[in-house]
Every structure is written in structure tokens, then in C-alpha cells.
């Protein structure tokens, strides 16, 4: 189970890095002069669309990781209770 928990941690780190890269000015400036979608500037649609996708993806990863880590046994006590 520890390997599965590590995979979820890796996926969450990748989502964080992708989120930071998507919100950097060079990427946002690509969509700056692209026009309109239903009278909404493309740059605004990109920012809020990417934000929504990242929120849903993060929620999904947290939900999956919580479901899998509930099966783990409780940790052993770290304090010597024999004294």
C-alpha cells in the first residue's frame, strides 16, 4: 500500500507543477489576442477553464487517495509503553 500512496503523492505533485506552469504569463499570453468565445475573451475562458479542471482533478485525486489509505493498518506507537 505504501507504493500506492507514493503514486498518489507523485500525481498530486505533477498536478501542482502543471497548475503553476499553466498560470505563468508566457502560457497565458498565448491566448491573450485569440479573440472571443460567446463574447467572452479566450484568455478569460482559458484561465477559468484551467482553474476549474485543476480543482476537479485535485478533488478526484484526494478522493481516490482517501479511499485507498483507509485500508491501511494503524501505525505502531513510537513511544515505548513498557516503562
N, C-alpha and C. Protein backbone atom coordinates (compact mmCIF):
# COMPACT_ATOMS: atom_id res chain seq x y z
N UNK A 1 0.81 -1.20 0.00
CA UNK A 1 0.00 0.00 0.00
C UNK A 1 0.86 1.27 0.00
N UNK A 2 2.07 1.17 0.52
CA UNK A 2 2.92 2.35 0.57
C UNK A 2 3.26 2.83 -0.83
N UNK A 3 3.43 1.90 -1.77
CA UNK A 3 3.71 2.27 -3.15
C UNK A 3 2.56 3.02 -3.79
N UNK A 4 1.33 2.60 -3.47
CA UNK A 4 0.14 3.26 -4.00
C UNK A 4 0.03 4.68 -3.44
N UNK A 5 0.32 4.83 -2.16
CA UNK A 5 0.29 6.17 -1.56
C UNK A 5 1.34 7.07 -2.18
N UNK A 6 2.50 6.50 -2.51
CA UNK A 6 3.56 7.27 -3.16
C UNK A 6 3.13 7.71 -4.55
N UNK A 7 2.40 6.84 -5.28
CA UNK A 7 1.93 7.19 -6.62
C UNK A 7 0.95 8.36 -6.56
N UNK A 8 0.05 8.35 -5.56
CA UNK A 8 -0.88 9.47 -5.42
C UNK A 8 -0.14 10.75 -5.07
N UNK A 9 0.88 10.65 -4.24
CA UNK A 9 1.69 11.82 -3.92
C UNK A 9 2.41 12.37 -5.14
N UNK A 10 2.90 11.45 -5.99
CA UNK A 10 3.56 11.88 -7.22
C UNK A 10 2.58 12.56 -8.16
N UNK A 11 1.38 11.99 -8.30
CA UNK A 11 0.37 12.59 -9.17
C UNK A 11 -0.05 13.97 -8.68
N UNK A 12 -0.16 14.13 -7.36
CA UNK A 12 -0.53 15.43 -6.81
C UNK A 12 0.58 16.45 -7.04
N UNK A 13 1.83 16.01 -6.97
CA UNK A 13 2.95 16.92 -7.25
C UNK A 13 2.96 17.32 -8.73
N UNK A 14 2.66 16.38 -9.61
CA UNK A 14 2.61 16.70 -11.04
C UNK A 14 1.50 17.68 -11.33
N UNK A 15 0.34 17.50 -10.71
CA UNK A 15 -0.78 18.44 -10.91
C UNK A 15 -0.39 19.83 -10.43
N UNK A 16 0.32 19.91 -9.33
CA UNK A 16 0.76 21.21 -8.81
C UNK A 16 1.72 21.90 -9.79
N UNK A 17 2.66 21.16 -10.31
CA UNK A 17 3.62 21.74 -11.26
C UNK A 17 2.92 22.18 -12.53
N UNK A 18 2.00 21.36 -13.04
CA UNK A 18 1.25 21.72 -14.24
C UNK A 18 0.40 22.97 -13.99
N UNK A 19 -0.20 23.06 -12.80
CA UNK A 19 -1.01 24.24 -12.46
C UNK A 19 -0.16 25.50 -12.47
N UNK A 20 1.02 25.43 -11.90
CA UNK A 20 1.91 26.60 -11.87
C UNK A 20 2.32 26.98 -13.29
N UNK A 21 2.66 25.98 -14.10
CA UNK A 21 3.08 26.27 -15.47
C UNK A 21 1.94 26.85 -16.30
N UNK A 22 0.72 26.35 -16.13
CA UNK A 22 -0.42 26.87 -16.89
C UNK A 22 -0.73 28.32 -16.56
N UNK A 23 -0.46 28.74 -15.35
CA UNK A 23 -0.79 30.10 -14.94
C UNK A 23 0.37 31.08 -15.09
N UNK A 24 1.45 30.64 -15.72
CA UNK A 24 2.59 31.53 -15.97
C UNK A 24 2.26 32.46 -17.14
N UNK A 25 2.75 33.68 -17.10
CA UNK A 25 2.45 34.65 -18.17
C UNK A 25 2.78 34.17 -19.59
N UNK A 26 3.87 33.45 -19.86
CA UNK A 26 4.10 33.03 -21.25
C UNK A 26 2.97 32.15 -21.82
N UNK A 27 2.41 31.29 -21.01
CA UNK A 27 1.32 30.43 -21.47
C UNK A 27 0.04 31.25 -21.61
N UNK A 28 -0.24 32.09 -20.65
CA UNK A 28 -1.47 32.90 -20.71
C UNK A 28 -1.42 33.87 -21.88
N UNK A 29 -0.25 34.41 -22.19
CA UNK A 29 -0.13 35.37 -23.30
C UNK A 29 -0.40 34.73 -24.66
N UNK A 30 -0.28 33.41 -24.75
CA UNK A 30 -0.62 32.72 -26.00
C UNK A 30 -2.09 32.96 -26.34
N UNK A 31 -2.94 32.99 -25.33
CA UNK A 31 -4.38 33.14 -25.53
C UNK A 31 -4.85 34.58 -25.43
N UNK A 32 -3.95 35.53 -25.24
CA UNK A 32 -4.33 36.91 -24.99
C UNK A 32 -5.05 37.56 -26.16
N UNK A 33 -4.59 37.38 -27.37
CA UNK A 33 -5.21 38.04 -28.51
C UNK A 33 -5.98 37.10 -29.41
N UNK A 34 -6.42 35.97 -28.88
CA UNK A 34 -7.03 34.93 -29.70
C UNK A 34 -8.47 35.22 -30.10
N UNK A 35 -9.12 36.18 -29.49
CA UNK A 35 -10.50 36.50 -29.87
C UNK A 35 -11.48 36.25 -28.74
N UNK A 36 -12.70 35.87 -29.16
CA UNK A 36 -13.78 35.70 -28.20
C UNK A 36 -14.49 34.37 -28.43
N UNK A 37 -15.04 33.83 -27.34
CA UNK A 37 -15.92 32.66 -27.38
C UNK A 37 -17.22 33.10 -26.71
N UNK A 38 -18.28 33.25 -27.52
CA UNK A 38 -19.57 33.73 -26.99
C UNK A 38 -19.41 35.03 -26.20
N UNK A 39 -18.70 35.97 -26.74
CA UNK A 39 -18.45 37.29 -26.17
C UNK A 39 -17.61 37.26 -24.89
N UNK A 40 -16.93 36.15 -24.65
CA UNK A 40 -16.00 36.04 -23.51
C UNK A 40 -14.60 35.95 -24.10
N UNK A 41 -13.68 36.80 -23.65
CA UNK A 41 -12.31 36.71 -24.17
C UNK A 41 -11.71 35.32 -23.93
N UNK A 42 -10.98 34.83 -24.91
CA UNK A 42 -10.40 33.48 -24.82
C UNK A 42 -9.46 33.37 -23.63
N UNK A 43 -8.72 34.43 -23.32
CA UNK A 43 -7.80 34.37 -22.18
C UNK A 43 -8.56 34.15 -20.88
N UNK A 44 -9.72 34.78 -20.72
CA UNK A 44 -10.52 34.59 -19.51
C UNK A 44 -11.09 33.18 -19.46
N UNK A 45 -11.56 32.69 -20.61
CA UNK A 45 -12.08 31.32 -20.66
C UNK A 45 -10.98 30.31 -20.34
N UNK A 46 -9.76 30.56 -20.83
CA UNK A 46 -8.65 29.66 -20.54
C UNK A 46 -8.31 29.65 -19.05
N UNK A 47 -8.20 30.83 -18.46
CA UNK A 47 -7.82 30.90 -17.04
C UNK A 47 -8.85 30.21 -16.16
N UNK A 48 -10.13 30.53 -16.35
CA UNK A 48 -11.15 29.93 -15.50
C UNK A 48 -11.39 28.46 -15.85
N UNK A 49 -11.24 28.10 -17.13
CA UNK A 49 -11.37 26.70 -17.51
C UNK A 49 -10.26 25.84 -16.92
N UNK A 50 -9.02 26.33 -17.02
CA UNK A 50 -7.89 25.60 -16.43
C UNK A 50 -8.04 25.51 -14.92
N UNK A 51 -8.48 26.57 -14.30
CA UNK A 51 -8.69 26.59 -12.86
C UNK A 51 -9.73 25.55 -12.45
N UNK A 52 -10.84 25.49 -13.19
CA UNK A 52 -11.89 24.51 -12.89
C UNK A 52 -11.39 23.08 -13.08
N UNK A 53 -10.67 22.83 -14.16
CA UNK A 53 -10.14 21.48 -14.40
C UNK A 53 -9.16 21.08 -13.30
N UNK A 54 -8.32 22.00 -12.87
CA UNK A 54 -7.37 21.69 -11.80
C UNK A 54 -8.07 21.41 -10.47
N UNK A 55 -9.14 22.14 -10.18
CA UNK A 55 -9.89 21.89 -8.95
C UNK A 55 -10.54 20.51 -8.99
N UNK A 56 -11.16 20.17 -10.11
CA UNK A 56 -11.82 18.87 -10.23
C UNK A 56 -10.79 17.74 -10.18
N UNK A 57 -9.66 17.91 -10.85
CA UNK A 57 -8.62 16.89 -10.84
C UNK A 57 -8.04 16.70 -9.43
N UNK A 58 -7.82 17.78 -8.72
CA UNK A 58 -7.32 17.69 -7.35
C UNK A 58 -8.34 17.01 -6.45
N UNK A 59 -9.61 17.37 -6.58
CA UNK A 59 -10.67 16.73 -5.79
C UNK A 59 -10.70 15.23 -6.06
N UNK A 60 -10.57 14.84 -7.33
CA UNK A 60 -10.61 13.44 -7.72
C UNK A 60 -9.41 12.68 -7.13
N UNK A 61 -8.22 13.27 -7.19
CA UNK A 61 -7.03 12.62 -6.64
C UNK A 61 -7.12 12.47 -5.12
N UNK A 62 -7.61 13.50 -4.45
CA UNK A 62 -7.75 13.41 -2.99
C UNK A 62 -8.77 12.35 -2.62
N UNK A 63 -9.86 12.29 -3.36
CA UNK A 63 -10.90 11.29 -3.09
C UNK A 63 -10.35 9.88 -3.31
N UNK A 64 -9.61 9.67 -4.38
CA UNK A 64 -9.01 8.36 -4.62
C UNK A 64 -7.99 8.00 -3.56
N UNK A 65 -7.15 8.95 -3.17
CA UNK A 65 -6.13 8.64 -2.17
C UNK A 65 -6.76 8.37 -0.81
N UNK A 66 -7.85 9.06 -0.46
CA UNK A 66 -8.52 8.80 0.81
C UNK A 66 -9.16 7.42 0.82
N UNK A 67 -9.73 7.00 -0.29
CA UNK A 67 -10.35 5.68 -0.37
C UNK A 67 -9.33 4.58 -0.19
N UNK A 68 -8.16 4.74 -0.76
CA UNK A 68 -7.13 3.71 -0.70
C UNK A 68 -6.38 3.71 0.63
N UNK A 69 -6.22 4.85 1.26
CA UNK A 69 -5.45 4.88 2.51
C UNK A 69 -6.30 4.49 3.72
N UNK A 70 -7.62 4.41 3.57
CA UNK A 70 -8.45 3.96 4.68
C UNK A 70 -8.20 2.50 5.00
N UNK A 71 -7.66 1.74 4.06
CA UNK A 71 -7.42 0.33 4.27
C UNK A 71 -6.12 0.05 5.00
N UNK A 72 -5.31 1.06 5.22
CA UNK A 72 -4.03 0.87 5.88
C UNK A 72 -4.23 0.57 7.36
N UNK A 73 -3.39 -0.29 7.95
CA UNK A 73 -3.49 -0.54 9.39
C UNK A 73 -3.01 0.68 10.16
N UNK A 74 -3.45 0.83 11.40
CA UNK A 74 -2.98 1.98 12.18
C UNK A 74 -1.48 1.88 12.43
N UNK A 75 -0.80 3.01 12.52
CA UNK A 75 0.66 2.97 12.73
C UNK A 75 1.00 2.45 14.12
N UNK A 76 2.15 1.84 14.24
CA UNK A 76 2.62 1.34 15.51
C UNK A 76 3.01 2.51 16.40
N UNK A 77 2.79 2.40 17.70
CA UNK A 77 3.17 3.51 18.59
C UNK A 77 4.69 3.72 18.56
N UNK A 78 5.07 4.99 18.57
CA UNK A 78 6.50 5.30 18.50
C UNK A 78 7.11 5.46 19.89
N UNK A 79 6.29 5.47 20.90
CA UNK A 79 6.79 5.62 22.27
C UNK A 79 6.80 4.25 22.94
N UNK A 80 7.86 3.96 23.67
CA UNK A 80 7.94 2.68 24.37
C UNK A 80 6.97 2.70 25.55
N UNK A 81 5.93 1.90 25.48
CA UNK A 81 4.90 1.88 26.53
C UNK A 81 5.22 0.87 27.61
N UNK A 82 6.33 0.14 27.54
CA UNK A 82 6.66 -0.89 28.52
C UNK A 82 7.20 -0.29 29.82
N UNK A 83 7.57 0.95 29.81
CA UNK A 83 8.15 1.56 31.03
C UNK A 83 7.14 1.92 32.03
